[in-house]
Amino acid sequence: MENRANKKWEEIINKSIIDRIPSSKGIYALVFELTNNMKLSTRTLSNKTLTKGIYVYIGSARGPGGLRARIRRHLAKTKKLKWHIDYITSTNHFKARAIVYALTNQDLEHIIASILEKQLAIPIQRFGSTDKPSRSHLFKCNNLTECINTAFNALELLNLSAKVIRIT
């Protein structure tokens, strides 16, 4: 019974977050905590280990539903595993901590990733970037503030109007 109550509470929290995100096209940074170490195996990445800690994942949302649809997908535990990040967000070890986003029609993932890779650690090469020239779209931070500020500053560096939604 407690697990169902927790799931319902999580759905309510996620809906209130998602309602604050526009359905426009854009770029985003999903800042999250991994509460335990985890092994990761996908079609293109096998037997990788992520250690518990704070991470930021860079993505773009240029399809139907824009940012709102993409973030809704990331916050949902149950989904068809399609992207690398799905293998993390679908686990109980994943806890979303913030969304940093900006509205844009431009494909800027690889540019943001190149900015972040100069400041943050890359835990898995090619994570989320098999279709881009980036080394990775996943970065590990020392703490939550570093993740949020680094992502925010990278978006602002490209003259985008960055917004932050913190998730408690």
N, C-alpha and C. Protein backbone atom coordinates (compact mmCIF):
# COMPACT_ATOMS: atom_id res chain seq x y z
N MET A 1 0.82 -1.19 0.00
CA MET A 1 0.00 0.00 0.00
C MET A 1 0.87 1.26 0.00
N GLU A 2 1.95 1.23 0.80
CA GLU A 2 2.83 2.40 0.89
C GLU A 2 3.46 2.71 -0.47
N ASN A 3 3.87 1.68 -1.21
CA ASN A 3 4.51 1.87 -2.51
C ASN A 3 3.54 2.54 -3.49
N ARG A 4 2.26 2.14 -3.48
CA ARG A 4 1.26 2.76 -4.34
C ARG A 4 1.03 4.21 -3.97
N ALA A 5 1.02 4.50 -2.67
CA ALA A 5 0.86 5.88 -2.20
C ALA A 5 2.04 6.73 -2.64
N ASN A 6 3.25 6.19 -2.53
CA ASN A 6 4.45 6.92 -2.98
C ASN A 6 4.39 7.19 -4.48
N LYS A 7 3.93 6.19 -5.26
CA LYS A 7 3.84 6.36 -6.70
C LYS A 7 2.84 7.46 -7.04
N LYS A 8 1.68 7.47 -6.36
CA LYS A 8 0.66 8.49 -6.61
C LYS A 8 1.20 9.88 -6.27
N TRP A 9 1.89 9.99 -5.14
CA TRP A 9 2.48 11.26 -4.72
C TRP A 9 3.49 11.73 -5.77
N GLU A 10 4.31 10.79 -6.28
CA GLU A 10 5.30 11.12 -7.32
C GLU A 10 4.61 11.63 -8.58
N GLU A 11 3.48 11.01 -8.96
CA GLU A 11 2.74 11.46 -10.14
C GLU A 11 2.22 12.89 -9.95
N ILE A 12 1.73 13.21 -8.77
CA ILE A 12 1.22 14.56 -8.48
C ILE A 12 2.36 15.59 -8.57
N ILE A 13 3.50 15.27 -7.97
CA ILE A 13 4.66 16.17 -8.02
C ILE A 13 5.10 16.36 -9.46
N ASN A 14 5.23 15.26 -10.21
CA ASN A 14 5.68 15.35 -11.59
C ASN A 14 4.72 16.18 -12.43
N LYS A 15 3.41 16.04 -12.23
CA LYS A 15 2.44 16.81 -12.99
C LYS A 15 2.60 18.30 -12.70
N SER A 16 2.82 18.68 -11.45
CA SER A 16 2.99 20.10 -11.13
C SER A 16 4.26 20.66 -11.76
N ILE A 17 5.28 19.84 -11.90
CA ILE A 17 6.52 20.28 -12.56
C ILE A 17 6.28 20.41 -14.06
N ILE A 18 5.70 19.39 -14.64
CA ILE A 18 5.47 19.36 -16.08
C ILE A 18 4.58 20.51 -16.53
N ASP A 19 3.58 20.85 -15.72
CA ASP A 19 2.68 21.95 -16.06
C ASP A 19 3.41 23.29 -16.16
N ARG A 20 4.58 23.40 -15.55
CA ARG A 20 5.35 24.66 -15.58
C ARG A 20 6.28 24.74 -16.78
N ILE A 21 6.39 23.67 -17.54
CA ILE A 21 7.30 23.63 -18.68
C ILE A 21 6.53 23.88 -19.96
N PRO A 22 7.01 24.78 -20.81
CA PRO A 22 6.28 25.07 -22.06
C PRO A 22 6.37 23.90 -23.04
N SER A 23 5.41 23.84 -23.93
CA SER A 23 5.42 22.78 -24.95
C SER A 23 6.13 23.25 -26.23
N SER A 24 6.92 24.29 -26.10
CA SER A 24 7.71 24.82 -27.22
C SER A 24 8.96 24.00 -27.42
N LYS A 25 9.58 24.18 -28.58
CA LYS A 25 10.86 23.53 -28.86
C LYS A 25 11.94 24.16 -28.00
N GLY A 26 12.95 23.36 -27.65
CA GLY A 26 14.02 23.91 -26.84
C GLY A 26 15.12 22.93 -26.53
N ILE A 27 15.98 23.37 -25.65
CA ILE A 27 17.09 22.55 -25.15
C ILE A 27 16.96 22.50 -23.64
N TYR A 28 17.42 21.39 -23.05
CA TYR A 28 17.26 21.25 -21.60
C TYR A 28 18.44 20.50 -21.00
N ALA A 29 18.58 20.71 -19.71
CA ALA A 29 19.52 19.96 -18.89
C ALA A 29 18.70 19.31 -17.78
N LEU A 30 18.73 18.01 -17.73
CA LEU A 30 18.06 17.26 -16.68
C LEU A 30 19.10 16.98 -15.60
N VAL A 31 18.92 17.61 -14.45
CA VAL A 31 19.85 17.43 -13.33
C VAL A 31 19.22 16.40 -12.40
N PHE A 32 19.99 15.36 -12.09
CA PHE A 32 19.42 14.29 -11.28
C PHE A 32 20.45 13.69 -10.34
N GLU A 33 19.91 13.01 -9.35
CA GLU A 33 20.73 12.28 -8.40
C GLU A 33 20.57 10.80 -8.69
N LEU A 34 21.67 10.09 -8.70
CA LEU A 34 21.67 8.64 -8.76
C LEU A 34 21.95 8.19 -7.34
N THR A 35 20.97 7.56 -6.70
CA THR A 35 21.07 7.27 -5.27
C THR A 35 21.90 6.03 -4.95
N ASN A 36 22.17 5.21 -5.95
CA ASN A 36 23.04 4.03 -5.79
C ASN A 36 23.85 3.84 -7.06
N ASN A 37 24.95 3.11 -6.94
CA ASN A 37 25.69 2.72 -8.14
C ASN A 37 24.79 1.86 -9.01
N MET A 38 24.99 1.93 -10.32
CA MET A 38 24.20 1.06 -11.19
C MET A 38 25.00 0.63 -12.41
N LYS A 39 24.71 -0.58 -12.86
CA LYS A 39 25.26 -1.10 -14.11
C LYS A 39 24.32 -0.70 -15.22
N LEU A 40 24.89 -0.34 -16.35
CA LEU A 40 24.10 0.14 -17.47
C LEU A 40 24.47 -0.66 -18.71
N SER A 41 23.49 -1.23 -19.37
CA SER A 41 23.69 -1.92 -20.64
C SER A 41 22.57 -1.55 -21.58
N THR A 42 22.95 -1.03 -22.73
CA THR A 42 21.98 -0.67 -23.77
C THR A 42 22.43 -1.37 -25.06
N ARG A 43 21.74 -1.09 -26.14
CA ARG A 43 22.16 -1.68 -27.43
C ARG A 43 23.54 -1.19 -27.84
N THR A 44 23.86 0.06 -27.52
CA THR A 44 25.13 0.65 -27.98
C THR A 44 26.17 0.84 -26.88
N LEU A 45 25.75 0.71 -25.63
CA LEU A 45 26.67 0.82 -24.49
C LEU A 45 26.50 -0.43 -23.65
N SER A 46 27.60 -1.14 -23.41
CA SER A 46 27.43 -2.36 -22.62
C SER A 46 28.31 -2.36 -21.38
N ASN A 47 27.73 -2.88 -20.31
CA ASN A 47 28.44 -3.07 -19.04
C ASN A 47 29.18 -1.83 -18.55
N LYS A 48 28.48 -0.73 -18.53
CA LYS A 48 29.03 0.51 -17.99
C LYS A 48 28.53 0.67 -16.56
N THR A 49 29.34 1.27 -15.71
CA THR A 49 28.94 1.51 -14.33
C THR A 49 28.86 3.00 -14.08
N LEU A 50 27.76 3.40 -13.46
CA LEU A 50 27.61 4.78 -12.99
C LEU A 50 27.62 4.73 -11.47
N THR A 51 28.44 5.60 -10.87
CA THR A 51 28.49 5.65 -9.42
C THR A 51 27.44 6.64 -8.91
N LYS A 52 26.99 6.41 -7.69
CA LYS A 52 25.98 7.31 -7.15
C LYS A 52 26.54 8.72 -7.11
N GLY A 53 25.64 9.70 -7.26
CA GLY A 53 26.07 11.10 -7.26
C GLY A 53 25.12 11.96 -8.06
N ILE A 54 25.57 13.16 -8.37
CA ILE A 54 24.76 14.15 -9.09
C ILE A 54 25.25 14.24 -10.54
N TYR A 55 24.29 14.21 -11.46
CA TYR A 55 24.59 14.21 -12.89
C TYR A 55 23.74 15.26 -13.60
N VAL A 56 24.19 15.63 -14.80
CA VAL A 56 23.39 16.47 -15.68
C VAL A 56 23.43 15.83 -17.06
N TYR A 57 22.25 15.74 -17.65
CA TYR A 57 22.08 15.18 -18.99
C TYR A 57 21.56 16.28 -19.90
N ILE A 58 22.18 16.45 -21.06
CA ILE A 58 21.79 17.48 -22.02
C ILE A 58 20.96 16.85 -23.13
N GLY A 59 19.84 17.46 -23.42
CA GLY A 59 18.99 16.98 -24.51
C GLY A 59 18.28 18.11 -25.21
N SER A 60 17.68 17.77 -26.33
CA SER A 60 16.88 18.77 -27.04
C SER A 60 15.48 18.21 -27.23
N ALA A 61 14.55 19.11 -27.44
CA ALA A 61 13.15 18.73 -27.61
C ALA A 61 12.61 19.54 -28.78
N ARG A 62 12.68 18.98 -29.96
CA ARG A 62 12.23 19.70 -31.13
C ARG A 62 11.07 18.99 -31.83
N GLY A 63 10.57 17.92 -31.21
CA GLY A 63 9.46 17.16 -31.78
C GLY A 63 8.12 17.62 -31.24
N PRO A 64 7.08 16.86 -31.53
CA PRO A 64 5.73 17.20 -31.05
C PRO A 64 5.69 17.28 -29.53
N GLY A 65 5.08 18.32 -29.02
CA GLY A 65 4.98 18.50 -27.57
C GLY A 65 6.17 19.19 -26.95
N GLY A 66 7.25 19.34 -27.71
CA GLY A 66 8.42 20.09 -27.28
C GLY A 66 8.98 19.68 -25.93
N LEU A 67 9.40 20.69 -25.18
CA LEU A 67 10.04 20.46 -23.87
C LEU A 67 9.13 19.72 -22.91
N ARG A 68 7.86 20.09 -22.87
CA ARG A 68 6.94 19.47 -21.92
C ARG A 68 6.85 17.95 -22.16
N ALA A 69 6.70 17.55 -23.40
CA ALA A 69 6.59 16.12 -23.71
C ALA A 69 7.88 15.37 -23.37
N ARG A 70 9.01 15.98 -23.68
CA ARG A 70 10.28 15.30 -23.42
C ARG A 70 10.54 15.16 -21.93
N ILE A 71 10.30 16.21 -21.17
CA ILE A 71 10.52 16.14 -19.71
C ILE A 71 9.52 15.18 -19.08
N ARG A 72 8.29 15.18 -19.54
CA ARG A 72 7.29 14.23 -19.03
C ARG A 72 7.81 12.81 -19.22
N ARG A 73 8.37 12.53 -20.37
CA ARG A 73 8.91 11.19 -20.63
C ARG A 73 10.03 10.86 -19.66
N HIS A 74 10.94 11.81 -19.45
CA HIS A 74 12.06 11.55 -18.54
C HIS A 74 11.59 11.29 -17.11
N LEU A 75 10.56 11.98 -16.68
CA LEU A 75 10.09 11.83 -15.30
C LEU A 75 9.22 10.59 -15.10
N ALA A 76 8.74 9.99 -16.18
CA ALA A 76 7.93 8.78 -16.08
C ALA A 76 8.83 7.57 -15.84
N LYS A 77 8.48 6.75 -14.88
CA LYS A 77 9.27 5.54 -14.60
C LYS A 77 8.99 4.45 -15.63
N THR A 78 7.74 4.35 -16.07
CA THR A 78 7.35 3.29 -17.00
C THR A 78 7.32 3.86 -18.42
N LYS A 79 8.14 3.27 -19.29
CA LYS A 79 8.21 3.70 -20.68
C LYS A 79 8.99 2.67 -21.47
N LYS A 80 8.85 2.70 -22.77
CA LYS A 80 9.67 1.86 -23.63
C LYS A 80 11.08 2.45 -23.61
N LEU A 81 12.07 1.62 -23.38
CA LEU A 81 13.45 2.11 -23.31
C LEU A 81 13.96 2.38 -24.72
N LYS A 82 14.15 3.65 -25.03
CA LYS A 82 14.53 4.09 -26.37
C LYS A 82 15.90 4.76 -26.37
N TRP A 83 16.08 5.76 -25.50
CA TRP A 83 17.31 6.51 -25.44
C TRP A 83 18.16 6.05 -24.27
N HIS A 84 19.44 6.34 -24.32
CA HIS A 84 20.34 5.97 -23.21
C HIS A 84 19.80 6.43 -21.87
N ILE A 85 19.33 7.66 -21.80
CA ILE A 85 18.88 8.22 -20.53
C ILE A 85 17.69 7.45 -19.95
N ASP A 86 16.88 6.81 -20.81
CA ASP A 86 15.74 6.02 -20.34
C ASP A 86 16.18 4.89 -19.41
N TYR A 87 17.36 4.36 -19.64
CA TYR A 87 17.86 3.25 -18.84
C TYR A 87 18.20 3.70 -17.41
N ILE A 88 18.36 5.00 -17.23
CA ILE A 88 18.59 5.56 -15.89
C ILE A 88 17.28 6.06 -15.29
N THR A 89 16.52 6.83 -16.06
CA THR A 89 15.32 7.47 -15.51
C THR A 89 14.23 6.48 -15.15
N SER A 90 14.29 5.26 -15.68
CA SER A 90 13.27 4.25 -15.37
C SER A 90 13.58 3.47 -14.10
N THR A 91 14.72 3.73 -13.47
CA THR A 91 15.09 2.99 -12.26
C THR A 91 14.68 3.74 -10.99
N ASN A 92 14.63 3.01 -9.90
CA ASN A 92 14.33 3.63 -8.61
C ASN A 92 15.52 4.41 -8.06
N HIS A 93 16.68 4.28 -8.68
CA HIS A 93 17.88 5.02 -8.25
C HIS A 93 17.87 6.45 -8.78
N PHE A 94 17.02 6.75 -9.75
CA PHE A 94 16.94 8.07 -10.39
C PHE A 94 16.02 9.00 -9.59
N LYS A 95 16.54 10.16 -9.22
CA LYS A 95 15.75 11.20 -8.55
C LYS A 95 16.02 12.52 -9.27
N ALA A 96 15.03 13.03 -9.98
CA ALA A 96 15.18 14.33 -10.66
C ALA A 96 15.33 15.42 -9.62
N ARG A 97 16.28 16.34 -9.84
CA ARG A 97 16.53 17.42 -8.89
C ARG A 97 16.29 18.80 -9.49
N ALA A 98 16.43 18.94 -10.81
CA ALA A 98 16.19 20.24 -11.46
C ALA A 98 16.10 20.06 -12.96
N ILE A 99 15.40 20.99 -13.58
CA ILE A 99 15.35 21.09 -15.04
C ILE A 99 15.85 22.50 -15.36
N VAL A 100 16.83 22.58 -16.22
CA VAL A 100 17.30 23.87 -16.73
C VAL A 100 16.98 23.85 -18.22
N TYR A 101 16.27 24.86 -18.70
CA TYR A 101 15.87 24.81 -20.10
C TYR A 101 15.86 26.20 -20.73
N ALA A 102 15.82 26.20 -22.06
CA ALA A 102 15.69 27.44 -22.82
C ALA A 102 14.94 27.12 -24.11
N LEU A 103 14.17 28.08 -24.57
CA LEU A 103 13.43 27.92 -25.81
C LEU A 103 14.35 28.24 -26.98
N THR A 104 14.36 27.36 -27.97
CA THR A 104 15.15 27.57 -29.18
C THR A 104 14.73 26.56 -30.24
N ASN A 105 14.83 26.96 -31.49
CA ASN A 105 14.61 26.03 -32.60
C ASN A 105 15.93 25.43 -33.07
N GLN A 106 17.03 25.94 -32.55
CA GLN A 106 18.35 25.50 -33.00
C GLN A 106 18.77 24.18 -32.36
N ASP A 107 19.56 23.42 -33.08
CA ASP A 107 20.13 22.16 -32.58
C ASP A 107 21.44 22.50 -31.86
N LEU A 108 21.39 22.64 -30.55
CA LEU A 108 22.53 23.12 -29.78
C LEU A 108 23.11 22.10 -28.81
N GLU A 109 22.59 20.88 -28.82
CA GLU A 109 23.05 19.87 -27.85
C GLU A 109 24.57 19.73 -27.86
N HIS A 110 25.14 19.56 -29.03
CA HIS A 110 26.59 19.32 -29.12
C HIS A 110 27.40 20.54 -28.68
N ILE A 111 26.87 21.73 -28.88
CA ILE A 111 27.58 22.94 -28.45
C ILE A 111 27.54 23.04 -26.92
N ILE A 112 26.36 22.81 -26.33
CA ILE A 112 26.25 22.83 -24.87
C ILE A 112 27.14 21.74 -24.27
N ALA A 113 27.11 20.55 -24.86
CA ALA A 113 27.94 19.45 -24.36
C ALA A 113 29.43 19.81 -24.41
N SER A 114 29.86 20.49 -25.47
CA SER A 114 31.27 20.86 -25.57
C SER A 114 31.66 21.89 -24.51
N ILE A 115 30.70 22.73 -24.11
CA ILE A 115 30.96 23.69 -23.03
C ILE A 115 31.07 22.94 -21.70
N LEU A 116 30.13 22.02 -21.46
CA LEU A 116 30.12 21.29 -20.19
C LEU A 116 31.32 20.36 -20.03
N GLU A 117 31.78 19.77 -21.11
CA GLU A 117 32.89 18.81 -21.00
C GLU A 117 34.20 19.49 -20.57
N LYS A 118 34.27 20.80 -20.71
CA LYS A 118 35.45 21.53 -20.25
C LYS A 118 35.42 21.77 -18.75
N GLN A 119 34.24 21.58 -18.13
CA GLN A 119 34.08 21.89 -16.71
C GLN A 119 33.68 20.71 -15.84
N LEU A 120 33.09 19.68 -16.45
CA LEU A 120 32.57 18.56 -15.68
C LEU A 120 33.15 17.24 -16.19
N ALA A 121 33.07 16.22 -15.35
CA ALA A 121 33.57 14.89 -15.71
C ALA A 121 32.59 14.18 -16.65
N ILE A 122 33.15 13.38 -17.55
CA ILE A 122 32.34 12.55 -18.45
C ILE A 122 32.41 11.11 -17.92
N PRO A 123 31.29 10.61 -17.37
CA PRO A 123 31.31 9.26 -16.79
C PRO A 123 31.27 8.14 -17.83
N ILE A 124 30.59 8.38 -18.97
CA ILE A 124 30.48 7.38 -20.03
C ILE A 124 30.61 8.09 -21.38
N GLN A 125 31.64 7.72 -22.13
CA GLN A 125 31.81 8.30 -23.47
C GLN A 125 30.64 7.91 -24.36
N ARG A 126 30.19 8.83 -25.20
CA ARG A 126 29.14 8.63 -26.21
C ARG A 126 27.74 8.47 -25.63
N PHE A 127 27.57 8.67 -24.32
CA PHE A 127 26.24 8.54 -23.71
C PHE A 127 25.33 9.62 -24.26
N GLY A 128 24.25 9.21 -24.89
CA GLY A 128 23.26 10.15 -25.42
C GLY A 128 23.72 10.93 -26.62
N SER A 129 24.87 10.59 -27.16
CA SER A 129 25.41 11.41 -28.25
C SER A 129 25.84 10.57 -29.45
N THR A 130 25.25 9.42 -29.62
CA THR A 130 25.65 8.58 -30.75
C THR A 130 25.28 9.19 -32.09
N ASP A 131 24.34 10.16 -32.09
CA ASP A 131 23.94 10.83 -33.32
C ASP A 131 24.52 12.24 -33.44
N LYS A 132 25.44 12.58 -32.57
CA LYS A 132 26.05 13.92 -32.54
C LYS A 132 27.57 13.79 -32.46
N PRO A 133 28.29 14.87 -32.76
CA PRO A 133 29.76 14.82 -32.66
C PRO A 133 30.28 14.97 -31.23
N SER A 134 29.40 15.05 -30.25
CA SER A 134 29.80 15.26 -28.85
C SER A 134 30.46 14.02 -28.27
N ARG A 135 31.33 14.23 -27.29
CA ARG A 135 31.94 13.12 -26.57
C ARG A 135 30.93 12.43 -25.67
N SER A 136 29.98 13.21 -25.12
CA SER A 136 28.93 12.67 -24.26
C SER A 136 27.89 13.76 -24.03
N HIS A 137 26.70 13.33 -23.61
CA HIS A 137 25.68 14.29 -23.17
C HIS A 137 25.36 14.09 -21.70
N LEU A 138 26.16 13.26 -21.03
CA LEU A 138 26.00 13.00 -19.60
C LEU A 138 27.27 13.42 -18.88
N PHE A 139 27.09 14.18 -17.80
CA PHE A 139 28.23 14.71 -17.05
C PHE A 139 27.99 14.53 -15.57
N LYS A 140 29.07 14.30 -14.84
CA LYS A 140 28.96 14.14 -13.39
C LYS A 140 29.47 15.41 -12.71
N CYS A 141 28.74 15.83 -11.69
CA CYS A 141 29.06 17.05 -10.96
C CYS A 141 29.51 16.70 -9.54
N ASN A 142 30.14 17.67 -8.89
CA ASN A 142 30.52 17.50 -7.49
C ASN A 142 29.33 17.68 -6.56
N ASN A 143 28.37 18.52 -6.99
CA ASN A 143 27.20 18.77 -6.15
C ASN A 143 26.08 19.36 -7.01
N LEU A 144 24.91 19.48 -6.43
CA LEU A 144 23.72 19.95 -7.14
C LEU A 144 23.89 21.38 -7.66
N THR A 145 24.41 22.25 -6.83
CA THR A 145 24.59 23.65 -7.23
C THR A 145 25.51 23.76 -8.44
N GLU A 146 26.60 23.00 -8.44
CA GLU A 146 27.52 23.02 -9.59
C GLU A 146 26.80 22.59 -10.86
N CYS A 147 26.00 21.54 -10.80
CA CYS A 147 25.27 21.06 -11.97
C CYS A 147 24.32 22.12 -12.52
N ILE A 148 23.51 22.68 -11.64
CA ILE A 148 22.53 23.67 -12.07
C ILE A 148 23.23 24.91 -12.64
N ASN A 149 24.20 25.43 -11.93
CA ASN A 149 24.88 26.65 -12.37
C ASN A 149 25.65 26.44 -13.68
N THR A 150 26.30 25.31 -13.82
CA THR A 150 27.08 25.05 -15.04
C THR A 150 26.14 24.95 -16.24
N ALA A 151 25.03 24.24 -16.08
CA ALA A 151 24.07 24.12 -17.18
C ALA A 151 23.44 25.48 -17.51
N PHE A 152 23.03 26.20 -16.48
CA PHE A 152 22.43 27.52 -16.67
C PHE A 152 23.40 28.46 -17.41
N ASN A 153 24.64 28.51 -16.95
CA ASN A 153 25.63 29.40 -17.56
C ASN A 153 25.94 29.02 -19.00
N ALA A 154 25.93 27.72 -19.31
CA ALA A 154 26.18 27.28 -20.69
C ALA A 154 25.08 27.77 -21.62
N LEU A 155 23.84 27.68 -21.17
CA LEU A 155 22.73 28.19 -21.99
C LEU A 155 22.81 29.70 -22.16
N GLU A 156 23.09 30.39 -21.08
CA GLU A 156 23.20 31.85 -21.13
C GLU A 156 24.37 32.29 -22.01
N LEU A 157 25.44 31.51 -22.03
CA LEU A 157 26.61 31.82 -22.87
C LEU A 157 26.23 31.89 -24.35
N LEU A 158 25.20 31.12 -24.71
CA LEU A 158 24.72 31.12 -26.10
C LEU A 158 23.58 32.10 -26.31
N ASN A 159 23.46 33.06 -25.39
CA ASN A 159 22.42 34.10 -25.46
C ASN A 159 21.00 33.54 -25.43
N LEU A 160 20.85 32.43 -24.73
CA LEU A 160 19.52 31.87 -24.53
C LEU A 160 19.03 32.33 -23.15
N SER A 161 17.74 32.46 -23.02
CA SER A 161 17.14 32.87 -21.75
C SER A 161 16.83 31.62 -20.94
N ALA A 162 17.77 31.22 -20.09
CA ALA A 162 17.64 29.97 -19.32
C ALA A 162 16.68 30.13 -18.16
N LYS A 163 15.94 29.06 -17.90
CA LYS A 163 15.03 28.99 -16.75
C LYS A 163 15.40 27.74 -15.95
N VAL A 164 15.16 27.80 -14.64
CA VAL A 164 15.46 26.68 -13.76
C VAL A 164 14.20 26.31 -12.98
N ILE A 165 13.91 25.04 -12.97
CA ILE A 165 12.85 24.50 -12.12
C ILE A 165 13.53 23.49 -11.18
N ARG A 166 13.51 23.79 -9.88
CA ARG A 166 14.08 22.88 -8.89
C ARG A 166 13.03 21.87 -8.49
N ILE A 167 13.47 20.66 -8.27
CA ILE A 167 12.59 19.57 -7.87
C ILE A 167 13.07 19.06 -6.52
N THR A 168 12.19 19.06 -5.53
CA THR A 168 12.59 18.63 -4.19
C THR A 168 12.16 17.21 -3.91
